[in-house]
């Protein structure tokens, strides 16, 4: 595993930053991106051994510059993780601001498509490489009011990943699904009223996990590799069922009782 060159988009916060930290701790040469100079600087202070680049993945030329920066620094890219994503406010579709709808589709889907195009072309030219696409709520077909736009983009990510896995057959490149499950980040908990969050935490404390719990496992799996088209999932159906069966064992993923 040591020495693999890994690029993580959206690597300045949440799961992305957790992956940057854990991959670097395992000897990977990590390059990550964020949208702003400040966010990249803050991440660099936390993981100084990784290299940060300011890049907006919805801009294909910016993605190409990110790829080129990684290759110039390390000679190649072995693994690329399309992690950058966002969730708009939990609103019914007709109540959601058009700007928020566009921004979510742009980042979660259009950005992933542009990044994948650049990455797969580069990896095909290398003759090797692995692309991992981050799934989320909606990827498995689950539905929830207020998450139509986010869920639609993540459902599309699943289709895209399956389709790309077919397209890369015979190139030496592989494409994979990466499913972190329910992780406590601002993406999970934003836009709740205090009363709503108190109720939601009952489920979160059963099914969710902290970034520092999930990302070491994800990092190990990504570095180990998998068959083309495979899914690496932290919260499987069996694990979720087991969590509900043992829900009487109190969990506090928010650390409020620590």
Protein backbone atom coordinates (compact mmCIF):
# COMPACT_ATOMS: atom_id res chain seq x y z
CA UNK A 1 0.00 0.00 0.00
CA UNK A 2 2.81 2.40 0.88
CA UNK A 3 3.63 4.95 -1.78
CA UNK A 4 0.41 4.84 -3.76
CA UNK A 5 -0.55 8.22 -5.18
CA UNK A 6 -4.11 9.11 -4.22
CA UNK A 7 -6.19 12.17 -5.15
CA UNK A 8 -9.22 13.08 -3.02
CA UNK A 9 -11.65 15.72 -4.26
CA UNK A 10 -13.48 17.69 -1.60
CA UNK A 11 -10.67 16.76 0.78
CA UNK A 12 -10.79 19.78 3.07
CA UNK A 13 -13.62 18.76 5.40
CA UNK A 14 -15.77 15.89 6.65
CA UNK A 15 -15.25 12.45 5.14
CA UNK A 16 -12.87 13.85 2.53
CA UNK A 17 -10.51 15.30 5.12
CA UNK A 18 -10.79 12.10 7.14
CA UNK A 19 -9.74 10.09 4.09
CA UNK A 20 -6.82 12.43 3.41
CA UNK A 21 -5.63 11.99 6.98
CA UNK A 22 -6.01 8.20 7.04
CA UNK A 23 -4.53 7.62 3.60
CA UNK A 24 -1.50 9.74 4.44
CA UNK A 25 -1.08 7.90 7.74
CA UNK A 26 -0.83 4.66 5.75
CA UNK A 27 2.01 5.91 3.59
CA UNK A 28 0.05 7.10 0.56
CA UNK A 29 1.14 10.20 -1.33
CA UNK A 30 -2.05 12.24 -1.07
CA UNK A 31 -3.17 15.19 -3.17
CA UNK A 32 -6.52 16.81 -2.35
CA UNK A 33 -8.56 19.75 -3.51
CA UNK A 34 -10.96 22.30 -2.10
CA UNK A 35 -12.77 25.23 -3.61
CA UNK A 36 -11.06 28.02 -1.67
CA UNK A 37 -7.56 28.99 -0.63
CA UNK A 38 -8.67 29.18 3.00
CA UNK A 39 -10.16 25.68 3.05
CA UNK A 40 -7.06 24.16 1.46
CA UNK A 41 -4.84 26.02 3.91
CA UNK A 42 -6.83 24.81 6.93
CA UNK A 43 -6.68 21.21 5.72
CA UNK A 44 -2.96 21.54 5.10
CA UNK A 45 -2.43 22.60 8.69
CA UNK A 46 -4.14 19.40 9.84
CA UNK A 47 -2.43 17.04 7.38
CA UNK A 48 0.82 18.74 6.38
CA UNK A 49 2.18 15.67 4.61
CA UNK A 50 -0.60 15.89 2.00
CA UNK A 51 -0.59 18.38 -0.87
CA UNK A 52 -3.55 20.69 -1.41
CA UNK A 53 -4.74 22.31 -4.62
CA UNK A 54 -7.51 24.86 -5.11
CA UNK A 55 -9.88 23.39 -7.70
CA UNK A 56 -13.58 23.43 -8.51
CA UNK A 57 -14.45 20.02 -9.96
CA UNK A 58 -17.38 21.44 -11.94
CA UNK A 59 -14.72 23.06 -14.17
CA UNK A 60 -13.07 20.40 -16.34
CA UNK A 61 -9.97 22.52 -16.86
CA UNK A 62 -9.60 22.87 -13.09
CA UNK A 63 -9.83 19.09 -12.75
CA UNK A 64 -7.20 18.69 -15.44
CA UNK A 65 -4.91 21.07 -13.53
CA UNK A 66 -5.47 18.99 -10.38
CA UNK A 67 -4.54 15.81 -12.27
CA UNK A 68 -1.47 17.51 -13.75
CA UNK A 69 -0.39 18.79 -10.32
CA UNK A 70 -0.54 15.26 -8.88
CA UNK A 71 1.39 13.79 -11.82
CA UNK A 72 3.99 16.55 -11.75
CA UNK A 73 4.52 16.03 -8.02
CA UNK A 74 4.42 12.23 -7.87
CA UNK A 75 4.76 10.95 -11.44
CA UNK A 76 1.36 9.25 -11.70
CA UNK A 77 -2.07 8.85 -10.08
CA UNK A 78 -2.86 5.38 -8.78
CA UNK A 79 -6.20 6.12 -7.09
CA UNK A 80 -8.71 8.95 -7.49
CA UNK A 81 -11.64 9.39 -5.10
CA UNK A 82 -14.54 11.53 -6.35
CA UNK A 83 -15.69 12.67 -2.92
CA UNK A 84 -16.71 16.31 -3.48
CA UNK A 85 -20.42 16.77 -2.86
CA UNK A 86 -23.08 18.86 -1.18
CA UNK A 87 -26.66 18.68 0.02
CA UNK A 88 -29.15 21.55 -0.26
CA UNK A 89 -31.66 22.51 2.39
CA UNK A 90 -34.23 19.81 3.13
CA UNK A 91 -37.14 21.23 1.18
CA UNK A 92 -39.81 19.88 -1.12
CA UNK A 93 -38.69 20.32 -4.70
CA UNK A 94 -41.03 23.21 -5.41
CA UNK A 95 -39.86 25.01 -2.25
CA UNK A 96 -36.14 24.68 -3.00
CA UNK A 97 -34.27 27.70 -4.33
CA UNK A 98 -33.34 27.19 -7.99
CA UNK A 99 -29.76 28.22 -7.21
CA UNK A 100 -29.46 25.48 -4.57
CA UNK A 101 -30.87 22.90 -6.98
CA UNK A 102 -28.40 23.90 -9.70
CA UNK A 103 -25.42 23.96 -7.32
CA UNK A 104 -26.19 20.47 -6.00
CA UNK A 105 -26.61 18.90 -9.43
CA UNK A 106 -23.53 20.73 -10.69
CA UNK A 107 -21.25 19.48 -7.92
CA UNK A 108 -22.65 16.02 -7.19
CA UNK A 109 -23.22 14.91 -10.77
CA UNK A 110 -21.81 17.25 -13.39
CA UNK A 111 -18.61 17.67 -11.39
CA UNK A 112 -18.25 13.94 -10.94
CA UNK A 113 -18.75 13.38 -14.67
CA UNK A 114 -16.16 15.99 -15.64
CA UNK A 115 -13.68 14.62 -13.11
CA UNK A 116 -14.26 11.05 -14.24
CA UNK A 117 -13.68 12.01 -17.87
CA UNK A 118 -10.32 13.59 -17.07
CA UNK A 119 -9.25 10.84 -14.70
CA UNK A 120 -10.20 7.87 -16.85
CA UNK A 121 -8.47 9.36 -19.88
CA UNK A 122 -5.33 9.86 -17.82
CA UNK A 123 -5.45 6.43 -16.24
CA UNK A 124 -6.11 4.73 -19.56
CA UNK A 125 -2.99 6.44 -20.92
CA UNK A 126 -1.06 5.13 -17.89
CA UNK A 127 -2.52 1.67 -18.42
CA UNK A 128 -3.58 1.44 -14.77
CA UNK A 129 -5.47 3.20 -12.01
CA UNK A 130 -8.58 3.01 -9.86
CA UNK A 131 -11.45 5.49 -9.73
CA UNK A 132 -13.74 5.47 -6.67
CA UNK A 133 -17.06 7.33 -6.68
CA UNK A 134 -18.64 8.31 -3.38
CA UNK A 135 -22.25 7.19 -2.95
CA UNK A 136 -24.79 8.66 -0.56
CA UNK A 137 -28.44 8.65 0.43
CA UNK A 138 -30.52 7.64 -2.57
CA UNK A 139 -27.84 5.49 -4.18
CA UNK A 140 -29.71 2.33 -3.21
CA UNK A 141 -33.13 3.71 -4.14
CA UNK A 142 -34.18 4.84 -0.66
CA UNK A 143 -36.56 7.81 -0.62
CA UNK A 144 -37.07 10.61 1.87
CA UNK A 145 -39.10 13.84 1.57
CA UNK A 146 -36.88 16.87 1.26
CA UNK A 147 -33.98 14.96 -0.29
CA UNK A 148 -35.25 14.64 -3.85
CA UNK A 149 -32.41 16.57 -5.48
CA UNK A 150 -29.59 15.11 -3.37
CA UNK A 151 -30.96 11.57 -3.68
CA UNK A 152 -31.44 11.92 -7.43
CA UNK A 153 -27.81 12.94 -7.90
CA UNK A 154 -26.53 10.05 -5.79
CA UNK A 155 -28.76 7.58 -7.62
CA UNK A 156 -27.22 8.91 -10.83
CA UNK A 157 -23.73 8.44 -9.37
CA UNK A 158 -24.49 4.75 -8.89
CA UNK A 159 -25.62 4.37 -12.50
CA UNK A 160 -22.60 6.34 -13.70
CA UNK A 161 -20.20 4.14 -11.75
CA UNK A 162 -21.72 0.93 -13.07
CA UNK A 163 -21.64 2.26 -16.61
CA UNK A 164 -18.06 3.48 -16.37
CA UNK A 165 -16.98 0.08 -15.04
CA UNK A 166 -18.24 -1.37 -18.34
CA UNK A 167 -16.50 1.29 -20.39
CA UNK A 168 -13.06 0.70 -18.85
CA UNK A 169 -13.01 -3.06 -19.35
CA UNK A 170 -9.77 -4.11 -20.99
CA UNK A 171 -7.94 -0.84 -20.23
CA UNK A 172 -6.22 -1.86 -17.01
CA UNK A 173 -8.31 0.73 -15.16
CA UNK A 174 -10.99 -0.08 -12.58
CA UNK A 175 -14.02 1.87 -11.33
CA UNK A 176 -15.65 1.34 -7.94
CA UNK A 177 -18.45 2.40 -5.61
CA UNK A 178 -17.48 3.79 -2.19
CA UNK A 179 -20.32 3.86 0.34
CA UNK A 180 -19.52 5.40 3.75
CA UNK A 181 -22.97 4.95 5.23
CA UNK A 182 -24.38 7.54 7.60
CA UNK A 183 -21.54 9.69 8.94
CA UNK A 184 -21.79 12.57 11.39
CA UNK A 185 -20.71 15.65 9.43
CA UNK A 186 -22.32 19.02 8.79
CA UNK A 187 -23.75 17.48 5.60
CA UNK A 188 -25.79 15.09 7.75
CA UNK A 189 -26.98 17.49 10.44
CA UNK A 190 -27.46 20.82 8.69
CA UNK A 191 -30.85 22.49 8.19
CA UNK A 192 -32.61 20.90 11.17
CA UNK A 193 -34.48 22.89 13.77
CA UNK A 194 -33.38 22.03 17.33
CA UNK A 195 -36.58 20.01 17.80
CA UNK A 196 -36.14 18.13 14.51
CA UNK A 197 -32.49 17.40 15.27
CA UNK A 198 -33.37 15.99 18.68
CA UNK A 199 -35.70 13.50 16.98
CA UNK A 200 -33.29 12.75 14.14
CA UNK A 201 -30.49 12.00 16.59
CA UNK A 202 -32.43 8.98 17.83
CA UNK A 203 -31.88 7.36 14.42
CA UNK A 204 -28.42 8.83 13.93
CA UNK A 205 -27.26 7.32 17.21
CA UNK A 206 -28.34 3.90 15.93
CA UNK A 207 -27.09 4.02 12.34
CA UNK A 208 -24.51 6.79 12.09
CA UNK A 209 -20.81 6.74 12.87
CA UNK A 210 -18.10 9.34 13.32
CA UNK A 211 -15.66 10.30 10.60
CA UNK A 212 -12.76 8.91 12.64
CA UNK A 213 -14.55 5.55 12.90
CA UNK A 214 -15.39 5.09 9.23
CA UNK A 215 -12.50 6.64 7.33
CA UNK A 216 -9.70 4.32 8.57
CA UNK A 217 -11.68 1.33 7.27
CA UNK A 218 -12.48 3.06 3.98
CA UNK A 219 -8.83 4.04 3.51
CA UNK A 220 -7.68 0.46 4.03
CA UNK A 221 -10.19 -0.87 1.51
CA UNK A 222 -9.37 1.73 -1.12
CA UNK A 223 -5.64 1.09 -0.83
CA UNK A 224 -6.17 -2.68 -0.97
CA UNK A 225 -8.14 -2.35 -4.21
CA UNK A 226 -11.11 -4.31 -5.51
CA UNK A 227 -12.49 -5.90 -8.65
CA UNK A 228 -13.76 -3.60 -11.34
CA UNK A 229 -17.31 -2.48 -10.56
CA UNK A 230 -17.16 -3.59 -6.91
CA UNK A 231 -18.79 -1.73 -4.05
CA UNK A 232 -17.08 -1.12 -0.72
CA UNK A 233 -19.80 -0.34 1.82
CA UNK A 234 -19.41 0.42 5.52
CA UNK A 235 -23.08 0.27 6.53
CA UNK A 236 -24.41 -2.91 4.94
CA UNK A 237 -28.03 -4.04 5.28
CA UNK A 238 -26.92 -6.70 7.73
CA UNK A 239 -25.03 -4.24 9.88
CA UNK A 240 -27.96 -1.81 9.90
CA UNK A 241 -30.35 -4.60 10.91
CA UNK A 242 -27.99 -5.61 13.70
CA UNK A 243 -27.82 -2.01 14.94
CA UNK A 244 -31.59 -1.88 15.31
CA UNK A 245 -31.63 -5.22 17.12
CA UNK A 246 -29.14 -3.87 19.65
CA UNK A 247 -30.52 -0.34 19.82
CA UNK A 248 -30.97 -0.76 23.57
CA UNK A 249 -27.20 -0.38 23.83
CA UNK A 250 -26.90 3.36 23.91
CA UNK A 251 -24.56 4.94 21.36
CA UNK A 252 -23.60 8.59 21.33
CA UNK A 253 -21.99 9.41 17.98
CA UNK A 254 -22.18 13.13 18.70
CA UNK A 255 -19.99 12.86 21.79
CA UNK A 256 -22.46 14.78 23.91
CA UNK A 257 -22.25 12.31 26.79
CA UNK A 258 -18.46 12.10 26.72
